[in-house]
Protein backbone atom coordinates (compact mmCIF):
# COMPACT_ATOMS: atom_id res chain seq x y z
CA MET A 1 -68.79 59.60 -73.73
CA PRO A 2 -68.66 55.88 -72.84
CA ALA A 3 -71.82 54.08 -71.72
CA ALA A 4 -71.96 53.22 -68.21
CA ALA A 5 -70.62 49.73 -68.51
CA SER A 6 -67.94 50.65 -71.10
CA ARG A 7 -64.72 48.83 -71.15
CA LEU A 8 -63.02 51.84 -72.75
CA THR A 9 -61.97 55.23 -71.64
CA TYR A 10 -61.66 58.06 -74.18
CA ARG A 11 -59.73 61.32 -74.04
CA ARG A 12 -58.62 64.16 -76.38
CA PRO A 13 -55.24 63.21 -77.93
CA GLN A 14 -52.36 65.02 -76.39
CA PRO A 15 -48.90 66.06 -78.01
CA GLY A 16 -47.25 63.17 -76.02
CA ASP A 17 -49.25 60.54 -78.01
CA VAL A 18 -47.25 60.73 -81.16
CA GLN A 19 -45.21 57.74 -80.42
CA ARG A 20 -47.98 55.50 -79.64
CA LEU A 21 -49.84 56.86 -82.72
CA PHE A 22 -46.88 56.04 -84.89
CA ALA A 23 -46.57 52.52 -83.31
CA ILE A 24 -50.25 51.78 -84.24
CA TYR A 25 -50.35 53.62 -87.67
CA GLY A 26 -46.85 52.39 -88.68
CA ASP A 27 -47.71 48.66 -88.25
CA PRO A 28 -48.21 46.80 -91.44
CA GLN A 29 -50.95 44.60 -89.87
CA THR A 30 -53.23 47.64 -89.00
CA ASN A 31 -52.78 48.97 -92.59
CA ARG A 32 -53.84 45.72 -94.24
CA PHE A 33 -56.72 47.41 -96.02
CA ASN A 34 -55.33 50.88 -96.15
CA PRO A 35 -54.29 51.59 -99.75
CA ALA A 36 -51.71 54.04 -98.58
CA GLY A 37 -50.07 51.53 -96.43
CA PRO A 38 -48.37 52.00 -93.01
CA MET A 39 -47.43 55.35 -91.86
CA ALA A 40 -43.79 55.71 -92.95
CA SER A 41 -42.41 58.42 -90.30
CA LEU A 42 -42.66 59.85 -87.02
CA GLU A 43 -43.21 63.19 -88.84
CA GLY A 44 -46.28 61.84 -90.56
CA ALA A 45 -47.64 60.82 -87.22
CA GLN A 46 -47.01 64.27 -85.84
CA ARG A 47 -48.88 65.96 -88.84
CA LEU A 48 -51.97 63.48 -88.19
CA LEU A 49 -51.71 64.37 -84.52
CA ASP A 50 -51.63 68.11 -85.20
CA HIS A 51 -54.53 67.75 -87.60
CA TRP A 52 -56.71 66.11 -84.80
CA LEU A 53 -55.62 68.68 -82.23
CA LYS A 54 -56.70 71.52 -84.56
CA GLN A 55 -60.02 69.71 -85.10
CA TRP A 56 -60.44 69.53 -81.29
CA ALA A 57 -59.54 73.21 -80.90
CA THR A 58 -61.90 74.44 -83.65
CA GLN A 59 -65.02 72.08 -83.14
CA GLY A 60 -64.82 70.82 -79.73
CA TYR A 61 -64.78 67.14 -80.84
CA GLY A 62 -62.64 64.73 -82.96
CA TRP A 63 -60.88 61.44 -82.71
CA TRP A 64 -60.19 60.02 -79.28
CA ALA A 65 -57.13 58.41 -77.69
CA ILE A 66 -58.63 55.02 -76.43
CA ALA A 67 -57.63 52.95 -73.56
CA ARG A 68 -59.04 50.11 -71.40
CA VAL A 69 -60.58 51.33 -68.23
CA GLU A 70 -58.15 49.01 -66.21
CA ALA A 71 -55.04 50.59 -67.96
CA PRO A 72 -55.97 54.09 -68.79
CA ASP A 73 -52.51 55.28 -69.51
CA HIS A 74 -51.91 52.68 -72.29
CA ILE A 75 -53.47 53.68 -75.58
CA ILE A 76 -54.94 50.80 -77.57
CA GLY A 77 -56.19 52.79 -80.41
CA PHE A 78 -57.53 56.04 -81.78
CA GLY A 79 -60.96 56.75 -83.18
CA GLY A 80 -64.20 58.63 -83.06
CA ILE A 81 -66.05 61.02 -85.29
CA ALA A 82 -64.79 63.94 -87.20
CA PRO A 83 -65.57 65.87 -90.43
CA MET A 84 -63.87 64.29 -93.49
CA ASP A 85 -64.09 65.02 -97.13
CA TYR A 86 -65.56 62.32 -99.13
CA LEU A 87 -64.09 63.75 -102.41
CA THR A 88 -66.21 66.86 -102.84
CA GLU A 89 -68.68 66.25 -99.98
CA ARG A 90 -67.86 67.06 -96.17
CA ARG A 91 -69.39 64.25 -94.00
CA ILE A 92 -69.17 63.35 -90.34
CA ASN A 93 -67.05 60.22 -90.54
CA LEU A 94 -66.74 57.38 -87.97
CA GLY A 95 -63.26 55.94 -88.01
CA TYR A 96 -60.90 54.01 -85.82
CA ARG A 97 -57.57 52.15 -85.69
CA PHE A 98 -56.62 49.64 -82.90
CA ALA A 99 -53.45 48.05 -82.00
CA VAL A 100 -53.29 44.38 -83.13
CA GLN A 101 -53.28 43.34 -79.42
CA ALA A 102 -56.73 44.91 -79.12
CA TRP A 103 -58.33 43.08 -82.11
CA GLY A 104 -61.15 40.54 -81.72
CA GLN A 105 -62.39 41.86 -78.47
CA GLY A 106 -65.36 44.07 -79.61
CA TYR A 107 -63.62 47.38 -78.91
CA ALA A 108 -64.37 48.85 -82.48
CA THR A 109 -68.09 48.00 -81.80
CA GLU A 110 -67.94 49.55 -78.44
CA LEU A 111 -66.25 52.66 -79.78
CA GLY A 112 -68.68 53.00 -82.56
CA ARG A 113 -71.60 52.88 -80.19
CA ASP A 114 -70.10 55.35 -77.91
CA ALA A 115 -69.10 57.73 -80.92
CA LEU A 116 -72.70 57.61 -82.14
CA LYS A 117 -74.12 58.37 -78.53
CA LEU A 118 -71.83 61.51 -78.82
CA ALA A 119 -72.86 62.35 -82.18
CA PHE A 120 -76.68 62.02 -81.67
CA GLU A 121 -77.30 62.74 -78.14
CA THR A 122 -74.76 65.31 -77.31
CA LEU A 123 -73.98 67.04 -80.69
CA GLY A 124 -77.39 66.48 -82.24
CA LEU A 125 -75.79 65.61 -85.64
CA PRO A 126 -78.27 64.38 -88.22
CA GLU A 127 -76.16 61.51 -89.66
CA VAL A 128 -72.83 59.68 -89.42
CA PHE A 129 -71.04 58.04 -92.21
CA GLY A 130 -68.50 55.15 -92.43
CA LEU A 131 -66.04 54.65 -95.16
CA VAL A 132 -64.49 51.25 -95.71
CA ARG A 133 -62.76 49.21 -98.38
CA PRO A 134 -65.00 46.59 -99.90
CA ASP A 135 -62.78 43.64 -98.77
CA HIS A 136 -62.42 44.73 -95.16
CA ALA A 137 -65.22 42.34 -93.81
CA ALA A 138 -64.42 42.88 -90.15
CA SER A 139 -64.98 46.65 -90.32
CA ILE A 140 -68.03 46.17 -92.46
CA ARG A 141 -69.53 44.00 -89.76
CA VAL A 142 -68.77 46.40 -87.03
CA LEU A 143 -70.45 49.30 -88.99
CA GLU A 144 -73.49 47.22 -89.61
CA LYS A 145 -73.66 46.04 -85.94
CA ILE A 146 -73.86 49.73 -84.84
CA GLY A 147 -76.73 50.34 -87.29
CA MET A 148 -75.11 51.58 -90.41
CA GLN A 149 -76.65 50.67 -93.64
CA PRO A 150 -75.17 50.87 -97.24
CA PHE A 151 -75.45 54.35 -98.68
CA GLY A 152 -73.30 54.10 -101.87
CA THR A 153 -69.78 53.91 -102.89
CA LEU A 154 -66.86 56.33 -103.38
CA ASP A 155 -64.24 56.00 -106.00
CA ASP A 156 -61.45 57.39 -103.88
CA VAL A 157 -58.52 55.00 -104.70
CA PRO A 158 -57.48 55.13 -108.30
CA GLY A 159 -57.10 51.82 -109.91
CA GLN A 160 -59.04 49.98 -107.20
CA ALA A 161 -62.62 49.06 -106.37
CA PRO A 162 -64.61 51.89 -104.85
CA SER A 163 -64.86 52.05 -101.22
CA LEU A 164 -68.20 51.37 -99.56
CA VAL A 165 -70.01 54.17 -97.78
CA LEU A 166 -72.35 53.38 -94.91
CA ARG A 167 -74.59 55.73 -93.00
CA VAL A 168 -76.63 55.87 -89.87
CA ARG A 169 -79.30 58.63 -89.22
CA HIS A 170 -80.18 60.30 -86.05
CA PRO A 171 -82.85 58.39 -84.15
CA THR A 172 -85.43 60.91 -83.40
CA THR A 173 -87.48 58.77 -80.68
CA ALA A 174 -86.77 55.66 -78.66
CA PHE A 175 -89.09 53.79 -81.01
CA ALA A 176 -86.90 54.75 -84.05
CA TRP A 177 -83.83 53.92 -81.85
CA HIS A 178 -85.12 50.54 -81.24
CA PHE A 179 -85.49 49.70 -84.83
CA THR A 180 -82.13 51.23 -85.85
CA TYR A 181 -80.24 49.47 -83.18
CA PRO A 182 -81.35 46.05 -81.98
CA SER A 183 -81.79 45.90 -78.30
CA ASN A 184 -78.57 43.88 -77.86
CA ALA A 185 -76.69 46.64 -79.67
CA SER A 186 -77.99 49.67 -77.89
CA ILE A 187 -75.51 52.38 -77.01
CA ASN A 188 -76.41 53.02 -73.32
CA GLY A 189 -77.68 49.58 -72.57
CA ASN A 190 -81.37 50.42 -72.36
CA LEU A 191 -84.05 51.87 -74.48
CA SER A 192 -85.68 54.15 -71.99
CA ASP A 193 -86.62 57.51 -73.19
């Protein structure tokens, strides 16, 4: 679902992605704000990949394997939207994790916009949430750039500060879209209805 001018390509994860998933999720740098820490084993990566593949099989969408347009066979991250339990509440969650080499280039923001385009324009979902640790300033900025606003907190990590919950609702008109997403942050590059 990339915008016409997207620098990224997205595809459904495949069984052969397990090594790359482990390389990204097992890197301590990509887990700086993850209370669970880096993924410990290739088996853990396989379990996560199996979970994603099951989501794709049952609901027809889920996290993508993400690559640059100019290097479509080299995965730089994983992310997208998928149902997630926020303790007792099931929400559609936007999440992502990129390899360190892909940081600082706006890819998380681009992914977020493309994922919201899928959520709202294709799937017709009413809202999408983001869950972020309160000290993860870069991810908070990404979620705010794509139009998410504070919704509440979630006490999901015992002994630590609650996570922040942000939300964006489905824009029902181009007018609402304009005020939800500033023109420099529109998903498809224009605000035509």
